Amino acid sequence: MEPCRLRQESHVGDEVARRVSEKHGVKVRFEIDYESGFFTTFDSTGMNDEQLINEIMKRVNAIAEAREMFFNEETMNEFLASKGIEVERKRSRRRRVSRS
């Protein structure tokens, strides 16, 4: 992956993680290394089984939403445009109709 694209994805990933963290009330972070993606951790000390399951599900939902947002081209373009980064738009192909 080219460095510019990697840097753009990193910025988008950080923004998505921030938005999802805010919405779900859990800390989600985005990392790019040998295993890129969204991550979250929590301290389960003193939690009973029900609390543990609820905390896990809250975080699973946050991570799922983060991945969905990250892979959404419209979300990425919106973020890049807000940072003043020019977004390359796909050109729609027009079909030429031959008139005879």
C-alpha atoms as a PDB file:
ATOM      1  CA  MET A   1       0.000   0.000   0.000  1.00  0.00           C
ATOM      2  CA  GLU A   2       1.390   3.423  -0.922  1.00  0.00           C
ATOM      3  CA  PRO A   3       2.415   5.682   2.008  1.00  0.00           C
ATOM      4  CA  CYS A   4      -0.109   8.430   1.189  1.00  0.00           C
ATOM      5  CA  ARG A   5      -3.028   5.978   1.171  1.00  0.00           C
ATOM      6  CA  LEU A   6      -1.764   4.410   4.414  1.00  0.00           C
ATOM      7  CA  ARG A   7      -1.599   7.832   6.070  1.00  0.00           C
ATOM      8  CA  GLN A   8      -5.130   8.674   4.877  1.00  0.00           C
ATOM      9  CA  GLU A   9      -6.481   5.385   6.214  1.00  0.00           C
ATOM     10  CA  SER A  10      -4.749   6.007   9.528  1.00  0.00           C
ATOM     11  CA  HIS A  11      -6.420   9.420   9.872  1.00  0.00           C
ATOM     12  CA  VAL A  12      -9.807   7.978   8.922  1.00  0.00           C
ATOM     13  CA  GLY A  13      -9.348   5.048  11.314  1.00  0.00           C
ATOM     14  CA  ASP A  14      -8.491   7.396  14.172  1.00  0.00           C
ATOM     15  CA  GLU A  15     -11.557   9.543  13.448  1.00  0.00           C
ATOM     16  CA  VAL A  16     -13.851   6.510  13.208  1.00  0.00           C
ATOM     17  CA  ALA A  17     -12.459   5.180  16.504  1.00  0.00           C
ATOM     18  CA  ARG A  18     -13.083   8.563  18.159  1.00  0.00           C
ATOM     19  CA  ARG A  19     -16.688   8.762  16.901  1.00  0.00           C
ATOM     20  CA  VAL A  20     -17.519   5.194  17.906  1.00  0.00           C
ATOM     21  CA  SER A  21     -15.860   5.611  21.319  1.00  0.00           C
ATOM     22  CA  GLU A  22     -17.978   8.679  21.941  1.00  0.00           C
ATOM     23  CA  LYS A  23     -21.201   7.035  20.779  1.00  0.00           C
ATOM     24  CA  HIS A  24     -20.798   3.756  22.679  1.00  0.00           C
ATOM     25  CA  GLY A  25     -19.004   5.103  25.753  1.00  0.00           C
ATOM     26  CA  VAL A  26     -16.046   2.708  25.363  1.00  0.00           C
ATOM     27  CA  LYS A  27     -12.459   3.390  24.341  1.00  0.00           C
ATOM     28  CA  VAL A  28     -11.828   2.106  20.801  1.00  0.00           C
ATOM     29  CA  ARG A  29      -8.485   2.675  19.101  1.00  0.00           C
ATOM     30  CA  PHE A  30      -7.224   2.166  15.560  1.00  0.00           C
ATOM     31  CA  GLU A  31      -3.763   0.746  14.952  1.00  0.00           C
ATOM     32  CA  ILE A  32      -1.732   0.054  11.852  1.00  0.00           C
ATOM     33  CA  ASP A  33       1.020  -2.492  12.361  1.00  0.00           C
ATOM     34  CA  TYR A  34       1.422  -6.147  11.468  1.00  0.00           C
ATOM     35  CA  GLU A  35      -2.221  -6.679  12.460  1.00  0.00           C
ATOM     36  CA  SER A  36      -4.211  -3.547  11.620  1.00  0.00           C
ATOM     37  CA  GLY A  37      -7.671  -2.806  12.866  1.00  0.00           C
ATOM     38  CA  PHE A  38      -9.812  -1.531  15.713  1.00  0.00           C
ATOM     39  CA  PHE A  39      -9.121  -2.625  19.273  1.00  0.00           C
ATOM     40  CA  THR A  40     -10.607  -2.162  22.725  1.00  0.00           C
ATOM     41  CA  THR A  41      -9.780  -3.509  26.181  1.00  0.00           C
ATOM     42  CA  PHE A  42     -11.343  -3.360  29.612  1.00  0.00           C
ATOM     43  CA  ASP A  43     -10.702  -4.504  33.161  1.00  0.00           C
ATOM     44  CA  SER A  44     -13.100  -7.299  34.095  1.00  0.00           C
ATOM     45  CA  THR A  45     -11.966  -7.505  37.726  1.00  0.00           C
ATOM     46  CA  GLY A  46     -14.957  -7.923  40.012  1.00  0.00           C
ATOM     47  CA  MET A  47     -17.505  -8.370  37.219  1.00  0.00           C
ATOM     48  CA  ASN A  48     -20.069 -11.118  37.422  1.00  0.00           C
ATOM     49  CA  ASP A  49     -20.911 -13.181  34.323  1.00  0.00           C
ATOM     50  CA  GLU A  50     -23.805 -10.946  33.260  1.00  0.00           C
ATOM     51  CA  GLN A  51     -21.736  -7.755  33.581  1.00  0.00           C
ATOM     52  CA  LEU A  52     -18.899  -9.391  31.666  1.00  0.00           C
ATOM     53  CA  ILE A  53     -21.181 -10.471  28.810  1.00  0.00           C
ATOM     54  CA  ASN A  54     -22.796  -7.011  28.648  1.00  0.00           C
ATOM     55  CA  GLU A  55     -19.395  -5.298  28.514  1.00  0.00           C
ATOM     56  CA  ILE A  56     -18.152  -7.658  25.794  1.00  0.00           C
ATOM     57  CA  MET A  57     -21.291  -7.142  23.688  1.00  0.00           C
ATOM     58  CA  LYS A  58     -21.085  -3.361  24.037  1.00  0.00           C
ATOM     59  CA  ARG A  59     -17.527  -3.497  22.718  1.00  0.00           C
ATOM     60  CA  VAL A  60     -18.308  -6.005  19.953  1.00  0.00           C
ATOM     61  CA  ASN A  61     -21.046  -3.662  18.716  1.00  0.00           C
ATOM     62  CA  ALA A  62     -18.687  -0.670  18.830  1.00  0.00           C
ATOM     63  CA  ILE A  63     -15.967  -2.515  16.881  1.00  0.00           C
ATOM     64  CA  ALA A  64     -18.494  -3.793  14.312  1.00  0.00           C
ATOM     65  CA  GLU A  65     -19.772  -0.259  13.740  1.00  0.00           C
ATOM     66  CA  ALA A  66     -16.216   1.088  13.466  1.00  0.00           C
ATOM     67  CA  ARG A  67     -15.327  -1.491  10.800  1.00  0.00           C
ATOM     68  CA  GLU A  68     -18.506  -0.735   8.862  1.00  0.00           C
ATOM     69  CA  MET A  69     -17.797   3.022   8.958  1.00  0.00           C
ATOM     70  CA  PHE A  70     -14.139   2.562   8.037  1.00  0.00           C
ATOM     71  CA  PHE A  71     -14.850   0.475   4.957  1.00  0.00           C
ATOM     72  CA  ASN A  72     -17.592   2.854   3.795  1.00  0.00           C
ATOM     73  CA  GLU A  73     -16.145   4.900   0.926  1.00  0.00           C
ATOM     74  CA  GLU A  74     -18.529   7.800   1.582  1.00  0.00           C
ATOM     75  CA  THR A  75     -17.343   8.094   5.211  1.00  0.00           C
ATOM     76  CA  MET A  76     -13.705   8.063   4.131  1.00  0.00           C
ATOM     77  CA  ASN A  77     -14.291  10.708   1.448  1.00  0.00           C
ATOM     78  CA  GLU A  78     -16.216  12.913   3.902  1.00  0.00           C
ATOM     79  CA  PHE A  79     -13.389  12.785   6.418  1.00  0.00           C
ATOM     80  CA  LEU A  80     -10.643  13.404   3.856  1.00  0.00           C
ATOM     81  CA  ALA A  81     -12.532  16.350   2.384  1.00  0.00           C
ATOM     82  CA  SER A  82     -12.975  17.835   5.883  1.00  0.00           C
ATOM     83  CA  LYS A  83      -9.176  17.728   6.271  1.00  0.00           C
ATOM     84  CA  GLY A  84      -8.648  19.508   2.948  1.00  0.00           C
ATOM     85  CA  ILE A  85      -7.431  16.363   1.211  1.00  0.00           C
ATOM     86  CA  GLU A  86      -8.618  16.193  -2.365  1.00  0.00           C
ATOM     87  CA  VAL A  87     -10.769  13.165  -3.003  1.00  0.00           C
ATOM     88  CA  GLU A  88     -10.610  11.462  -6.357  1.00  0.00           C
ATOM     89  CA  ARG A  89     -14.165  10.925  -7.544  1.00  0.00           C
ATOM     90  CA  LYS A  90     -15.045   7.972  -9.707  1.00  0.00           C
ATOM     91  CA  ARG A  91     -16.288   9.031 -13.078  1.00  0.00           C
ATOM     92  CA  SER A  92     -19.575   7.646 -14.181  1.00  0.00           C
ATOM     93  CA  ARG A  93     -19.554   6.176 -17.617  1.00  0.00           C
ATOM     94  CA  ARG A  94     -22.068   7.518 -20.021  1.00  0.00           C
ATOM     95  CA  ARG A  95     -23.242   5.252 -22.716  1.00  0.00           C
ATOM     96  CA  ARG A  96     -23.202   6.764 -26.130  1.00  0.00           C
ATOM     97  CA  VAL A  97     -26.264   6.091 -28.131  1.00  0.00           C
ATOM     98  CA  SER A  98     -25.756   5.852 -31.820  1.00  0.00           C
ATOM     99  CA  ARG A  99     -28.472   7.392 -33.888  1.00  0.00           C
ATOM    100  CA  SER A 100     -28.887   6.051 -37.369  1.00  0.00           C
END
